[in-house]
Amino acid sequence: MTKNNPEILFKEHLKIYVLPKDKIIFENELENQNIEYYSDIENQPMFENGIRYFILDADRIKLDKIFTENGIIAHTETITASDYRDEKKAMKLYLIVGGIVAGIMILIAIVESLLK
């Protein structure tokens, strides 16, 4: 079986988008499960929505198993999804930075009031 088979485009297939951070794990699992896929990265203009994969519709159940067992976030063109774990990390960083800035402002106000 070829791993990057363009013939899939002429059969009944799914179009799935996988985040770039999950690319290696996803492709490795596709090969372990002997699932044919097609991904033409050179002709894909933007990666912010993920890397586009074409997979045979017959492999849908195997694909679902790969996503659930490996915690891979994937979506289609019409139903987009994002990795909320990354957003949670970003929110935590915003709160920490905001707390540090507020703490510095309070210290400056205290020092100014003591110097007057």
N, C-alpha and C. Protein backbone atom coordinates (compact mmCIF):
# COMPACT_ATOMS: atom_id res chain seq x y z
N MET A 1 0.83 -1.19 0.00
CA MET A 1 0.00 0.00 0.00
C MET A 1 0.87 1.25 0.00
N THR A 2 0.51 2.20 -0.79
CA THR A 2 1.26 3.45 -0.79
C THR A 2 0.67 4.38 0.26
N LYS A 3 1.54 5.09 0.92
CA LYS A 3 1.06 5.93 2.01
C LYS A 3 0.45 7.24 1.54
N ASN A 4 0.91 7.78 0.45
CA ASN A 4 0.38 9.05 -0.05
C ASN A 4 -0.15 8.80 -1.46
N ASN A 5 -1.35 8.26 -1.55
CA ASN A 5 -1.92 7.75 -2.80
C ASN A 5 -2.94 8.73 -3.39
N PRO A 6 -2.60 9.43 -4.49
CA PRO A 6 -3.54 10.39 -5.09
C PRO A 6 -4.77 9.73 -5.73
N GLU A 7 -4.77 8.42 -5.92
CA GLU A 7 -5.92 7.74 -6.49
C GLU A 7 -7.14 7.82 -5.58
N ILE A 8 -6.92 8.10 -4.33
CA ILE A 8 -8.03 8.25 -3.36
C ILE A 8 -8.99 9.35 -3.80
N LEU A 9 -8.48 10.36 -4.47
CA LEU A 9 -9.32 11.49 -4.90
C LEU A 9 -10.42 11.06 -5.87
N PHE A 10 -10.23 9.93 -6.54
CA PHE A 10 -11.21 9.46 -7.52
C PHE A 10 -12.16 8.40 -6.95
N LYS A 11 -12.03 8.13 -5.66
CA LYS A 11 -12.92 7.20 -4.97
C LYS A 11 -13.71 7.97 -3.92
N GLU A 12 -14.66 7.31 -3.29
CA GLU A 12 -15.43 7.97 -2.23
C GLU A 12 -14.52 8.17 -1.03
N HIS A 13 -14.31 9.44 -0.67
CA HIS A 13 -13.33 9.75 0.37
C HIS A 13 -13.85 10.82 1.34
N LEU A 14 -13.12 10.95 2.43
CA LEU A 14 -13.35 11.99 3.44
C LEU A 14 -12.24 13.02 3.31
N LYS A 15 -12.55 14.25 3.64
CA LYS A 15 -11.54 15.29 3.69
C LYS A 15 -11.44 15.72 5.16
N ILE A 16 -10.29 15.44 5.77
CA ILE A 16 -10.08 15.70 7.19
C ILE A 16 -8.92 16.68 7.34
N TYR A 17 -9.04 17.58 8.28
CA TYR A 17 -7.96 18.50 8.61
C TYR A 17 -7.42 18.16 9.99
N VAL A 18 -6.11 17.98 10.08
CA VAL A 18 -5.44 17.64 11.33
C VAL A 18 -4.46 18.76 11.66
N LEU A 19 -4.39 19.15 12.92
CA LEU A 19 -3.48 20.21 13.33
C LEU A 19 -2.03 19.81 13.07
N PRO A 20 -1.18 20.76 12.68
CA PRO A 20 0.23 20.43 12.37
C PRO A 20 0.96 19.74 13.53
N LYS A 21 0.60 20.05 14.75
CA LYS A 21 1.29 19.43 15.89
C LYS A 21 0.99 17.94 16.00
N ASP A 22 -0.10 17.47 15.39
CA ASP A 22 -0.47 16.06 15.44
C ASP A 22 -0.09 15.30 14.18
N LYS A 23 0.58 15.95 13.24
CA LYS A 23 0.89 15.35 11.94
C LYS A 23 1.68 14.05 12.05
N ILE A 24 2.74 14.04 12.81
CA ILE A 24 3.61 12.87 12.90
C ILE A 24 2.88 11.68 13.51
N ILE A 25 2.19 11.92 14.61
CA ILE A 25 1.44 10.84 15.28
C ILE A 25 0.35 10.31 14.35
N PHE A 26 -0.37 11.22 13.69
CA PHE A 26 -1.47 10.82 12.82
C PHE A 26 -0.97 9.98 11.65
N GLU A 27 0.06 10.44 10.96
CA GLU A 27 0.57 9.68 9.82
C GLU A 27 1.15 8.34 10.25
N ASN A 28 1.80 8.30 11.41
CA ASN A 28 2.33 7.05 11.92
C ASN A 28 1.20 6.05 12.20
N GLU A 29 0.11 6.51 12.79
CA GLU A 29 -1.03 5.64 13.06
C GLU A 29 -1.72 5.19 11.78
N LEU A 30 -1.78 6.06 10.78
CA LEU A 30 -2.35 5.66 9.50
C LEU A 30 -1.55 4.52 8.88
N GLU A 31 -0.23 4.62 8.96
CA GLU A 31 0.62 3.56 8.42
C GLU A 31 0.50 2.28 9.24
N ASN A 32 0.43 2.40 10.57
CA ASN A 32 0.29 1.21 11.42
C ASN A 32 -1.02 0.48 11.14
N GLN A 33 -2.07 1.22 10.83
CA GLN A 33 -3.38 0.63 10.57
C GLN A 33 -3.58 0.27 9.09
N ASN A 34 -2.53 0.47 8.27
CA ASN A 34 -2.60 0.23 6.81
C ASN A 34 -3.75 0.98 6.15
N ILE A 35 -3.87 2.25 6.50
CA ILE A 35 -4.89 3.11 5.91
C ILE A 35 -4.24 3.97 4.84
N GLU A 36 -4.76 3.88 3.64
CA GLU A 36 -4.26 4.72 2.56
C GLU A 36 -4.76 6.15 2.76
N TYR A 37 -3.92 7.11 2.43
CA TYR A 37 -4.32 8.51 2.53
C TYR A 37 -3.61 9.31 1.45
N TYR A 38 -4.08 10.52 1.27
CA TYR A 38 -3.43 11.44 0.35
C TYR A 38 -3.38 12.81 1.01
N SER A 39 -2.20 13.40 1.00
CA SER A 39 -2.02 14.75 1.53
C SER A 39 -1.03 15.48 0.64
N ASP A 40 -1.47 16.56 0.03
CA ASP A 40 -0.62 17.33 -0.86
C ASP A 40 -0.30 18.66 -0.18
N ILE A 41 0.71 18.64 0.64
CA ILE A 41 1.05 19.82 1.45
C ILE A 41 1.50 20.99 0.58
N GLU A 42 2.18 20.71 -0.52
CA GLU A 42 2.70 21.79 -1.38
C GLU A 42 1.58 22.64 -1.98
N ASN A 43 0.41 22.03 -2.22
CA ASN A 43 -0.70 22.76 -2.84
C ASN A 43 -1.72 23.27 -1.83
N GLN A 44 -1.39 23.21 -0.58
CA GLN A 44 -2.29 23.71 0.45
C GLN A 44 -1.81 25.09 0.88
N PRO A 45 -2.61 26.13 0.65
CA PRO A 45 -2.13 27.49 0.87
C PRO A 45 -1.86 27.87 2.32
N MET A 46 -2.72 27.45 3.25
CA MET A 46 -2.55 27.87 4.64
C MET A 46 -2.72 26.67 5.56
N PHE A 47 -1.98 26.69 6.66
CA PHE A 47 -2.03 25.58 7.61
C PHE A 47 -2.75 25.93 8.90
N GLU A 48 -3.28 27.15 9.04
CA GLU A 48 -3.89 27.51 10.31
C GLU A 48 -5.12 26.66 10.61
N ASN A 49 -5.78 26.13 9.59
CA ASN A 49 -6.93 25.24 9.81
C ASN A 49 -6.51 23.79 9.93
N GLY A 50 -5.25 23.49 9.68
CA GLY A 50 -4.76 22.13 9.75
C GLY A 50 -4.26 21.65 8.41
N ILE A 51 -3.68 20.46 8.42
CA ILE A 51 -3.18 19.84 7.20
C ILE A 51 -4.29 18.98 6.63
N ARG A 52 -4.56 19.11 5.35
CA ARG A 52 -5.67 18.42 4.71
C ARG A 52 -5.26 17.00 4.29
N TYR A 53 -6.08 16.03 4.71
CA TYR A 53 -5.87 14.63 4.34
C TYR A 53 -7.13 14.12 3.65
N PHE A 54 -6.93 13.32 2.61
CA PHE A 54 -8.02 12.62 1.94
C PHE A 54 -7.89 11.16 2.31
N ILE A 55 -8.95 10.59 2.87
CA ILE A 55 -8.94 9.20 3.34
C ILE A 55 -10.19 8.52 2.82
N LEU A 56 -10.04 7.25 2.45
CA LEU A 56 -11.19 6.50 1.94
C LEU A 56 -12.31 6.45 2.96
N ASP A 57 -13.53 6.59 2.48
CA ASP A 57 -14.70 6.56 3.35
C ASP A 57 -14.82 5.21 4.08
N ALA A 58 -14.32 4.15 3.48
CA ALA A 58 -14.40 2.81 4.09
C ALA A 58 -13.56 2.72 5.36
N ASP A 59 -12.59 3.60 5.54
CA ASP A 59 -11.71 3.57 6.72
C ASP A 59 -12.18 4.48 7.84
N ARG A 60 -13.41 4.91 7.78
CA ARG A 60 -13.94 5.86 8.75
C ARG A 60 -13.88 5.33 10.20
N ILE A 61 -14.21 4.08 10.41
CA ILE A 61 -14.21 3.52 11.77
C ILE A 61 -12.79 3.46 12.32
N LYS A 62 -11.84 3.02 11.50
CA LYS A 62 -10.44 3.00 11.92
C LYS A 62 -9.96 4.41 12.25
N LEU A 63 -10.39 5.37 11.45
CA LEU A 63 -10.00 6.75 11.64
C LEU A 63 -10.52 7.29 12.98
N ASP A 64 -11.77 7.00 13.29
CA ASP A 64 -12.34 7.43 14.58
C ASP A 64 -11.54 6.85 15.74
N LYS A 65 -11.14 5.60 15.61
CA LYS A 65 -10.36 4.95 16.66
C LYS A 65 -9.01 5.64 16.85
N ILE A 66 -8.37 6.01 15.74
CA ILE A 66 -7.08 6.71 15.82
C ILE A 66 -7.24 8.04 16.55
N PHE A 67 -8.31 8.78 16.21
CA PHE A 67 -8.53 10.08 16.85
C PHE A 67 -8.76 9.94 18.35
N THR A 68 -9.59 9.00 18.75
CA THR A 68 -9.92 8.87 20.17
C THR A 68 -8.77 8.31 20.99
N GLU A 69 -8.05 7.34 20.46
CA GLU A 69 -6.96 6.73 21.22
C GLU A 69 -5.76 7.66 21.38
N ASN A 70 -5.55 8.54 20.43
CA ASN A 70 -4.37 9.40 20.46
C ASN A 70 -4.68 10.85 20.82
N GLY A 71 -5.93 11.17 21.08
CA GLY A 71 -6.30 12.53 21.46
C GLY A 71 -6.04 13.55 20.36
N ILE A 72 -6.20 13.14 19.12
CA ILE A 72 -5.95 14.02 17.98
C ILE A 72 -7.21 14.81 17.68
N ILE A 73 -7.05 16.11 17.52
CA ILE A 73 -8.16 16.98 17.17
C ILE A 73 -8.18 17.12 15.65
N ALA A 74 -9.30 16.76 15.05
CA ALA A 74 -9.45 16.86 13.60
C ALA A 74 -10.80 17.49 13.29
N HIS A 75 -10.93 18.03 12.09
CA HIS A 75 -12.20 18.62 11.69
C HIS A 75 -12.36 18.56 10.18
N THR A 76 -13.55 18.91 9.73
CA THR A 76 -13.84 18.96 8.30
C THR A 76 -13.89 20.43 7.89
N GLU A 77 -14.15 20.69 6.61
CA GLU A 77 -14.22 22.07 6.15
C GLU A 77 -15.43 22.80 6.72
N THR A 78 -16.52 22.09 6.90
CA THR A 78 -17.75 22.74 7.36
C THR A 78 -17.84 22.82 8.88
N ILE A 79 -17.26 21.86 9.56
CA ILE A 79 -17.30 21.85 11.02
C ILE A 79 -15.87 21.99 11.53
N THR A 80 -15.52 23.20 11.92
CA THR A 80 -14.16 23.42 12.40
C THR A 80 -14.11 23.20 13.90
N ALA A 81 -12.96 22.78 14.35
CA ALA A 81 -12.74 22.57 15.78
C ALA A 81 -11.34 23.03 16.10
N SER A 82 -11.15 23.44 17.32
CA SER A 82 -9.81 23.82 17.73
C SER A 82 -9.43 23.01 18.96
N ASP A 83 -8.17 23.01 19.25
CA ASP A 83 -7.68 22.27 20.39
C ASP A 83 -7.82 23.16 21.62
N TYR A 84 -8.81 22.86 22.44
CA TYR A 84 -9.08 23.69 23.61
C TYR A 84 -7.98 23.58 24.65
N ARG A 85 -7.19 22.52 24.60
CA ARG A 85 -6.07 22.39 25.53
C ARG A 85 -5.07 23.50 25.28
N ASP A 86 -4.82 23.84 24.01
CA ASP A 86 -3.90 24.94 23.70
C ASP A 86 -4.48 26.27 24.13
N GLU A 87 -5.78 26.46 23.93
CA GLU A 87 -6.42 27.70 24.34
C GLU A 87 -6.39 27.85 25.86
N LYS A 88 -6.51 26.74 26.57
CA LYS A 88 -6.45 26.77 28.04
C LYS A 88 -5.06 27.22 28.50
N LYS A 89 -4.02 26.73 27.82
CA LYS A 89 -2.66 27.13 28.16
C LYS A 89 -2.46 28.62 27.90
N ALA A 90 -2.99 29.12 26.78
CA ALA A 90 -2.85 30.54 26.46
C ALA A 90 -3.59 31.40 27.48
N MET A 91 -4.78 30.96 27.88
CA MET A 91 -5.55 31.72 28.88
C MET A 91 -4.80 31.76 30.21
N LYS A 92 -4.21 30.66 30.59
CA LYS A 92 -3.44 30.60 31.84
C LYS A 92 -2.26 31.57 31.77
N LEU A 93 -1.61 31.64 30.61
CA LEU A 93 -0.49 32.56 30.43
C LEU A 93 -0.96 34.01 30.53
N TYR A 94 -2.11 34.34 29.91
CA TYR A 94 -2.66 35.69 30.00
C TYR A 94 -2.95 36.07 31.45
N LEU A 95 -3.52 35.14 32.21
CA LEU A 95 -3.83 35.43 33.61
C LEU A 95 -2.57 35.64 34.44
N ILE A 96 -1.54 34.85 34.19
CA ILE A 96 -0.28 35.02 34.93
C ILE A 96 0.35 36.37 34.61
N VAL A 97 0.41 36.71 33.32
CA VAL A 97 0.99 38.00 32.93
C VAL A 97 0.17 39.15 33.50
N GLY A 98 -1.16 39.04 33.44
CA GLY A 98 -2.02 40.08 34.01
C GLY A 98 -1.81 40.22 35.51
N GLY A 99 -1.66 39.10 36.21
CA GLY A 99 -1.39 39.15 37.66
C GLY A 99 -0.06 39.80 37.98
N ILE A 100 0.96 39.49 37.18
CA ILE A 100 2.28 40.09 37.41
C ILE A 100 2.22 41.60 37.17
N VAL A 101 1.56 42.03 36.09
CA VAL A 101 1.45 43.46 35.79
C VAL A 101 0.68 44.17 36.91
N ALA A 102 -0.43 43.57 37.37
CA ALA A 102 -1.21 44.18 38.46
C ALA A 102 -0.38 44.26 39.73
N GLY A 103 0.40 43.22 40.02
CA GLY A 103 1.26 43.23 41.20
C GLY A 103 2.31 44.32 41.13
N ILE A 104 2.92 44.50 39.97
CA ILE A 104 3.92 45.56 39.80
C ILE A 104 3.28 46.93 39.97
N MET A 105 2.08 47.11 39.42
CA MET A 105 1.39 48.40 39.57
C MET A 105 1.08 48.70 41.04
N ILE A 106 0.67 47.69 41.77
CA ILE A 106 0.38 47.87 43.20
C ILE A 106 1.66 48.22 43.96
N LEU A 107 2.75 47.53 43.66
CA LEU A 107 4.03 47.85 44.31
C LEU A 107 4.48 49.27 44.00
N ILE A 108 4.32 49.69 42.77
CA ILE A 108 4.70 51.07 42.41
C ILE A 108 3.85 52.07 43.18
N ALA A 109 2.54 51.81 43.29
CA ALA A 109 1.66 52.72 44.02
C ALA A 109 2.05 52.78 45.49
N ILE A 110 2.40 51.64 46.09
CA ILE A 110 2.81 51.61 47.50
C ILE A 110 4.10 52.36 47.71
N VAL A 111 5.08 52.14 46.82
CA VAL A 111 6.37 52.81 46.95
C VAL A 111 6.21 54.31 46.77
N GLU A 112 5.38 54.74 45.82
CA GLU A 112 5.14 56.18 45.62
C GLU A 112 4.48 56.81 46.85
N SER A 113 3.54 56.10 47.46
CA SER A 113 2.86 56.68 48.64
C SER A 113 3.80 56.75 49.82
N LEU A 114 4.74 55.84 49.93
CA LEU A 114 5.71 55.87 51.05
C LEU A 114 6.74 56.97 50.85
N LEU A 115 7.07 57.30 49.63
CA LEU A 115 8.09 58.32 49.35
C LEU A 115 7.55 59.74 49.48
N LYS A 116 6.24 59.93 49.51
CA LYS A 116 5.68 61.27 49.57
C LYS A 116 5.66 61.81 50.94
